[in-house]
Amino acid sequence: MNQHPIEAWHQLVKSSDPSRLDSLLAEDAVFISPIVHTPQRGKALTKAYLSAHDPRRHSR
């Protein structure tokens, strides 16, 4: 049985493994952010934005 996407997202965040995004993102995914100002279209761009945060760099 396939895992619910929200549960898969939570596991991805806990694991800090951006390679797991491939199974969650559609080819026509769109990343929208108030900082970027324009929608970023496509799986590769969306993955790049979602993978950019490195929690190890931001831990205290």
PDB file of N, CA and C in Angstrom:
ATOM      1  N   MET A   1       0.842  -1.179   0.000  1.00  0.00           N
ATOM      2  CA  MET A   1       0.000   0.000   0.000  1.00  0.00           C
ATOM      3  C   MET A   1       0.891   1.247   0.000  1.00  0.00           C
ATOM      4  N   ASN A   2       0.503   2.245  -0.790  1.00  0.00           N
ATOM      5  CA  ASN A   2       1.266   3.486  -0.852  1.00  0.00           C
ATOM      6  C   ASN A   2       1.052   4.317   0.403  1.00  0.00           C
ATOM      7  N   GLN A   3       2.097   5.003   0.775  1.00  0.00           N
ATOM      8  CA  GLN A   3       2.059   5.857   1.954  1.00  0.00           C
ATOM      9  C   GLN A   3       1.337   7.171   1.605  1.00  0.00           C
ATOM     10  N   HIS A   4       0.584   7.705   2.542  1.00  0.00           N
ATOM     11  CA  HIS A   4      -0.090   8.981   2.342  1.00  0.00           C
ATOM     12  C   HIS A   4       0.988  10.060   2.123  1.00  0.00           C
ATOM     13  N   PRO A   5       0.783  10.974   1.154  1.00  0.00           N
ATOM     14  CA  PRO A   5       1.803  11.984   0.848  1.00  0.00           C
ATOM     15  C   PRO A   5       2.223  12.849   2.039  1.00  0.00           C
ATOM     16  N   ILE A   6       1.291  13.178   2.918  1.00  0.00           N
ATOM     17  CA  ILE A   6       1.648  14.001   4.081  1.00  0.00           C
ATOM     18  C   ILE A   6       2.572  13.229   5.021  1.00  0.00           C
ATOM     19  N   GLU A   7       2.289  11.962   5.231  1.00  0.00           N
ATOM     20  CA  GLU A   7       3.162  11.130   6.069  1.00  0.00           C
ATOM     21  C   GLU A   7       4.535  10.992   5.421  1.00  0.00           C
ATOM     22  N   ALA A   8       4.562  10.811   4.102  1.00  0.00           N
ATOM     23  CA  ALA A   8       5.840  10.722   3.387  1.00  0.00           C
ATOM     24  C   ALA A   8       6.623  12.025   3.528  1.00  0.00           C
ATOM     25  N   TRP A   9       5.930  13.174   3.481  1.00  0.00           N
ATOM     26  CA  TRP A   9       6.587  14.477   3.653  1.00  0.00           C
ATOM     27  C   TRP A   9       7.201  14.583   5.048  1.00  0.00           C
ATOM     28  N   HIS A  10       6.454  14.188   6.072  1.00  0.00           N
ATOM     29  CA  HIS A  10       6.972  14.256   7.443  1.00  0.00           C
ATOM     30  C   HIS A  10       8.213  13.377   7.596  1.00  0.00           C
ATOM     31  N   GLN A  11       8.191  12.205   7.009  1.00  0.00           N
ATOM     32  CA  GLN A  11       9.364  11.328   7.091  1.00  0.00           C
ATOM     33  C   GLN A  11      10.552  11.915   6.338  1.00  0.00           C
ATOM     34  N   LEU A  12      10.277  12.551   5.202  1.00  0.00           N
ATOM     35  CA  LEU A  12      11.336  13.196   4.431  1.00  0.00           C
ATOM     36  C   LEU A  12      11.998  14.293   5.255  1.00  0.00           C
ATOM     37  N   VAL A  13      11.183  15.130   5.899  1.00  0.00           N
ATOM     38  CA  VAL A  13      11.717  16.228   6.711  1.00  0.00           C
ATOM     39  C   VAL A  13      12.545  15.683   7.865  1.00  0.00           C
ATOM     40  N   LYS A  14      12.056  14.654   8.515  1.00  0.00           N
ATOM     41  CA  LYS A  14      12.803  14.058   9.630  1.00  0.00           C
ATOM     42  C   LYS A  14      14.131  13.464   9.169  1.00  0.00           C
ATOM     43  N   SER A  15      14.144  12.890   7.976  1.00  0.00           N
ATOM     44  CA  SER A  15      15.347  12.225   7.478  1.00  0.00           C
ATOM     45  C   SER A  15      16.352  13.196   6.871  1.00  0.00           C
ATOM     46  N   SER A  16      15.899  14.411   6.516  1.00  0.00           N
ATOM     47  CA  SER A  16      16.759  15.387   5.829  1.00  0.00           C
ATOM     48  C   SER A  16      17.374  14.803   4.563  1.00  0.00           C
ATOM     49  N   ASP A  17      16.602  13.987   3.854  1.00  0.00           N
ATOM     50  CA  ASP A  17      17.072  13.343   2.631  1.00  0.00           C
ATOM     51  C   ASP A  17      16.292  13.881   1.440  1.00  0.00           C
ATOM     52  N   PRO A  18      16.805  14.927   0.755  1.00  0.00           N
ATOM     53  CA  PRO A  18      16.069  15.534  -0.345  1.00  0.00           C
ATOM     54  C   PRO A  18      15.850  14.607  -1.537  1.00  0.00           C
ATOM     55  N   SER A  19      16.585  13.512  -1.633  1.00  0.00           N
ATOM     56  CA  SER A  19      16.369  12.586  -2.749  1.00  0.00           C
ATOM     57  C   SER A  19      14.979  11.957  -2.683  1.00  0.00           C
ATOM     58  N   ARG A  20      14.376  11.975  -1.499  1.00  0.00           N
ATOM     59  CA  ARG A  20      13.033  11.414  -1.353  1.00  0.00           C
ATOM     60  C   ARG A  20      11.956  12.297  -1.988  1.00  0.00           C
ATOM     61  N   LEU A  21      12.319  13.529  -2.347  1.00  0.00           N
ATOM     62  CA  LEU A  21      11.363  14.418  -3.004  1.00  0.00           C
ATOM     63  C   LEU A  21      10.921  13.883  -4.363  1.00  0.00           C
ATOM     64  N   ASP A  22      11.792  13.153  -5.032  1.00  0.00           N
ATOM     65  CA  ASP A  22      11.465  12.642  -6.365  1.00  0.00           C
ATOM     66  C   ASP A  22      10.152  11.869  -6.398  1.00  0.00           C
ATOM     67  N   SER A  23       9.907  11.103  -5.370  1.00  0.00           N
ATOM     68  CA  SER A  23       8.685  10.296  -5.350  1.00  0.00           C
ATOM     69  C   SER A  23       7.454  11.112  -4.957  1.00  0.00           C
ATOM     70  N   LEU A  24       7.643  12.304  -4.393  1.00  0.00           N
ATOM     71  CA  LEU A  24       6.514  13.133  -3.961  1.00  0.00           C
ATOM     72  C   LEU A  24       6.109  14.198  -4.971  1.00  0.00           C
ATOM     73  N   LEU A  25       7.043  14.639  -5.795  1.00  0.00           N
ATOM     74  CA  LEU A  25       6.769  15.754  -6.698  1.00  0.00           C
ATOM     75  C   LEU A  25       6.305  15.285  -8.074  1.00  0.00           C
ATOM     76  N   ALA A  26       5.303  15.962  -8.597  1.00  0.00           N
ATOM     77  CA  ALA A  26       4.852  15.709  -9.964  1.00  0.00           C
ATOM     78  C   ALA A  26       5.785  16.428 -10.932  1.00  0.00           C
ATOM     79  N   GLU A  27       5.847  15.965 -12.160  1.00  0.00           N
ATOM     80  CA  GLU A  27       6.689  16.605 -13.170  1.00  0.00           C
ATOM     81  C   GLU A  27       6.292  18.061 -13.387  1.00  0.00           C
ATOM     82  N   ASP A  28       5.003  18.380 -13.218  1.00  0.00           N
ATOM     83  CA  ASP A  28       4.530  19.747 -13.451  1.00  0.00           C
ATOM     84  C   ASP A  28       4.330  20.521 -12.142  1.00  0.00           C
ATOM     85  N   ALA A  29       5.103  20.180 -11.111  1.00  0.00           N
ATOM     86  CA  ALA A  29       5.010  20.863  -9.818  1.00  0.00           C
ATOM     87  C   ALA A  29       5.314  22.353  -9.988  1.00  0.00           C
ATOM     88  N   VAL A  30       4.695  23.168  -9.129  1.00  0.00           N
ATOM     89  CA  VAL A  30       4.931  24.614  -9.146  1.00  0.00           C
ATOM     90  C   VAL A  30       5.256  25.051  -7.722  1.00  0.00           C
ATOM     91  N   PHE A  31       6.405  25.729  -7.559  1.00  0.00           N
ATOM     92  CA  PHE A  31       6.826  26.253  -6.267  1.00  0.00           C
ATOM     93  C   PHE A  31       6.457  27.727  -6.224  1.00  0.00           C
ATOM     94  N   ILE A  32       5.675  28.122  -5.213  1.00  0.00           N
ATOM     95  CA  ILE A  32       5.249  29.517  -5.071  1.00  0.00           C
ATOM     96  C   ILE A  32       5.756  30.038  -3.735  1.00  0.00           C
ATOM     97  N   SER A  33       6.433  31.182  -3.787  1.00  0.00           N
ATOM     98  CA  SER A  33       6.992  31.786  -2.584  1.00  0.00           C
ATOM     99  C   SER A  33       6.881  33.304  -2.687  1.00  0.00           C
ATOM    100  N   PRO A  34       6.536  33.981  -1.583  1.00  0.00           N
ATOM    101  CA  PRO A  34       6.503  35.445  -1.628  1.00  0.00           C
ATOM    102  C   PRO A  34       7.901  36.053  -1.785  1.00  0.00           C
ATOM    103  N   ILE A  35       8.916  35.293  -1.548  1.00  0.00           N
ATOM    104  CA  ILE A  35      10.281  35.795  -1.679  1.00  0.00           C
ATOM    105  C   ILE A  35      10.775  35.715  -3.123  1.00  0.00           C
ATOM    106  N   VAL A  36      10.356  34.686  -3.847  1.00  0.00           N
ATOM    107  CA  VAL A  36      10.805  34.491  -5.219  1.00  0.00           C
ATOM    108  C   VAL A  36      10.007  35.373  -6.188  1.00  0.00           C
ATOM    109  N   HIS A  37       8.778  35.712  -5.843  1.00  0.00           N
ATOM    110  CA  HIS A  37       7.906  36.620  -6.589  1.00  0.00           C
ATOM    111  C   HIS A  37       7.229  36.022  -7.822  1.00  0.00           C
ATOM    112  N   THR A  38       7.815  35.043  -8.471  1.00  0.00           N
ATOM    113  CA  THR A  38       7.159  34.409  -9.617  1.00  0.00           C
ATOM    114  C   THR A  38       7.131  32.907  -9.398  1.00  0.00           C
ATOM    115  N   PRO A  39       6.082  32.247  -9.866  1.00  0.00           N
ATOM    116  CA  PRO A  39       6.013  30.791  -9.718  1.00  0.00           C
ATOM    117  C   PRO A  39       7.184  30.109 -10.431  1.00  0.00           C
ATOM    118  N   GLN A  40       7.778  29.156  -9.749  1.00  0.00           N
ATOM    119  CA  GLN A  40       8.866  28.367 -10.317  1.00  0.00           C
ATOM    120  C   GLN A  40       8.281  27.039 -10.765  1.00  0.00           C
ATOM    121  N   ARG A  41       8.302  26.789 -12.068  1.00  0.00           N
ATOM    122  CA  ARG A  41       7.591  25.639 -12.641  1.00  0.00           C
ATOM    123  C   ARG A  41       8.527  24.470 -12.938  1.00  0.00           C
ATOM    124  N   GLY A  42       8.038  23.283 -12.625  1.00  0.00           N
ATOM    125  CA  GLY A  42       8.760  22.059 -12.948  1.00  0.00           C
ATOM    126  C   GLY A  42       9.314  21.356 -11.721  1.00  0.00           C
ATOM    127  N   LYS A  43       9.443  20.069 -11.861  1.00  0.00           N
ATOM    128  CA  LYS A  43       9.916  19.226 -10.760  1.00  0.00           C
ATOM    129  C   LYS A  43      11.337  19.602 -10.329  1.00  0.00           C
ATOM    130  N   ALA A  44      12.219  19.840 -11.287  1.00  0.00           N
ATOM    131  CA  ALA A  44      13.618  20.120 -10.953  1.00  0.00           C
ATOM    132  C   ALA A  44      13.762  21.423 -10.158  1.00  0.00           C
ATOM    133  N   LEU A  45      13.079  22.483 -10.591  1.00  0.00           N
ATOM    134  CA  LEU A  45      13.158  23.754  -9.865  1.00  0.00           C
ATOM    135  C   LEU A  45      12.524  23.649  -8.486  1.00  0.00           C
ATOM    136  N   THR A  46      11.379  22.992  -8.415  1.00  0.00           N
ATOM    137  CA  THR A  46      10.702  22.827  -7.130  1.00  0.00           C
ATOM    138  C   THR A  46      11.590  22.055  -6.168  1.00  0.00           C
ATOM    139  N   LYS A  47      12.207  20.992  -6.655  1.00  0.00           N
ATOM    140  CA  LYS A  47      13.104  20.200  -5.809  1.00  0.00           C
ATOM    141  C   LYS A  47      14.294  21.044  -5.356  1.00  0.00           C
ATOM    142  N   ALA A  48      14.827  21.861  -6.246  1.00  0.00           N
ATOM    143  CA  ALA A  48      15.970  22.704  -5.888  1.00  0.00           C
ATOM    144  C   ALA A  48      15.613  23.658  -4.746  1.00  0.00           C
ATOM    145  N   TYR A  49      14.456  24.291  -4.828  1.00  0.00           N
ATOM    146  CA  TYR A  49      14.050  25.205  -3.766  1.00  0.00           C
ATOM    147  C   TYR A  49      13.782  24.464  -2.455  1.00  0.00           C
ATOM    148  N   LEU A  50      13.101  23.348  -2.531  1.00  0.00           N
ATOM    149  CA  LEU A  50      12.781  22.602  -1.311  1.00  0.00           C
ATOM    150  C   LEU A  50      14.011  21.939  -0.696  1.00  0.00           C
ATOM    151  N   SER A  51      15.032  21.701  -1.495  1.00  0.00           N
ATOM    152  CA  SER A  51      16.255  21.057  -1.001  1.00  0.00           C
ATOM    153  C   SER A  51      17.285  22.056  -0.501  1.00  0.00           C
ATOM    154  N   ALA A  52      17.065  23.333  -0.749  1.00  0.00           N
ATOM    155  CA  ALA A  52      18.077  24.350  -0.435  1.00  0.00           C
ATOM    156  C   ALA A  52      18.333  24.500   1.060  1.00  0.00           C
ATOM    157  N   HIS A  53      17.340  24.275   1.880  1.00  0.00           N
ATOM    158  CA  HIS A  53      17.500  24.432   3.325  1.00  0.00           C
ATOM    159  C   HIS A  53      18.264  23.250   3.895  1.00  0.00           C
ATOM    160  N   ASP A  54      19.353  23.552   4.553  1.00  0.00           N
ATOM    161  CA  ASP A  54      20.161  22.517   5.214  1.00  0.00           C
ATOM    162  C   ASP A  54      20.029  22.715   6.713  1.00  0.00           C
ATOM    163  N   PRO A  55      19.227  21.864   7.395  1.00  0.00           N
ATOM    164  CA  PRO A  55      19.016  22.058   8.830  1.00  0.00           C
ATOM    165  C   PRO A  55      20.288  21.995   9.650  1.00  0.00           C
ATOM    166  N   ARG A  56      21.315  21.334   9.163  1.00  0.00           N
ATOM    167  CA  ARG A  56      22.570  21.270   9.913  1.00  0.00           C
ATOM    168  C   ARG A  56      23.236  22.637   9.988  1.00  0.00           C
ATOM    169  N   ARG A  57      23.026  23.479   8.979  1.00  0.00           N
ATOM    170  CA  ARG A  57      23.608  24.812   8.976  1.00  0.00           C
ATOM    171  C   ARG A  57      22.848  25.767   9.893  1.00  0.00           C
ATOM    172  N   HIS A  58      21.604  25.448  10.211  1.00  0.00           N
ATOM    173  CA  HIS A  58      20.761  26.351  10.971  1.00  0.00           C
ATOM    174  C   HIS A  58      20.452  25.867  12.385  1.00  0.00           C
ATOM    175  N   SER A  59      21.122  24.832  12.823  1.00  0.00           N
ATOM    176  CA  SER A  59      20.865  24.358  14.181  1.00  0.00           C
ATOM    177  C   SER A  59      21.683  25.179  15.166  1.00  0.00           C
ATOM    178  N   ARG A  60      21.222  25.203  16.389  1.00  0.00           N
ATOM    179  CA  ARG A  60      21.918  25.991  17.420  1.00  0.00           C
ATOM    180  C   ARG A  60      22.751  25.125  18.299  1.00  0.00           C
TER     181      ARG A  60
END
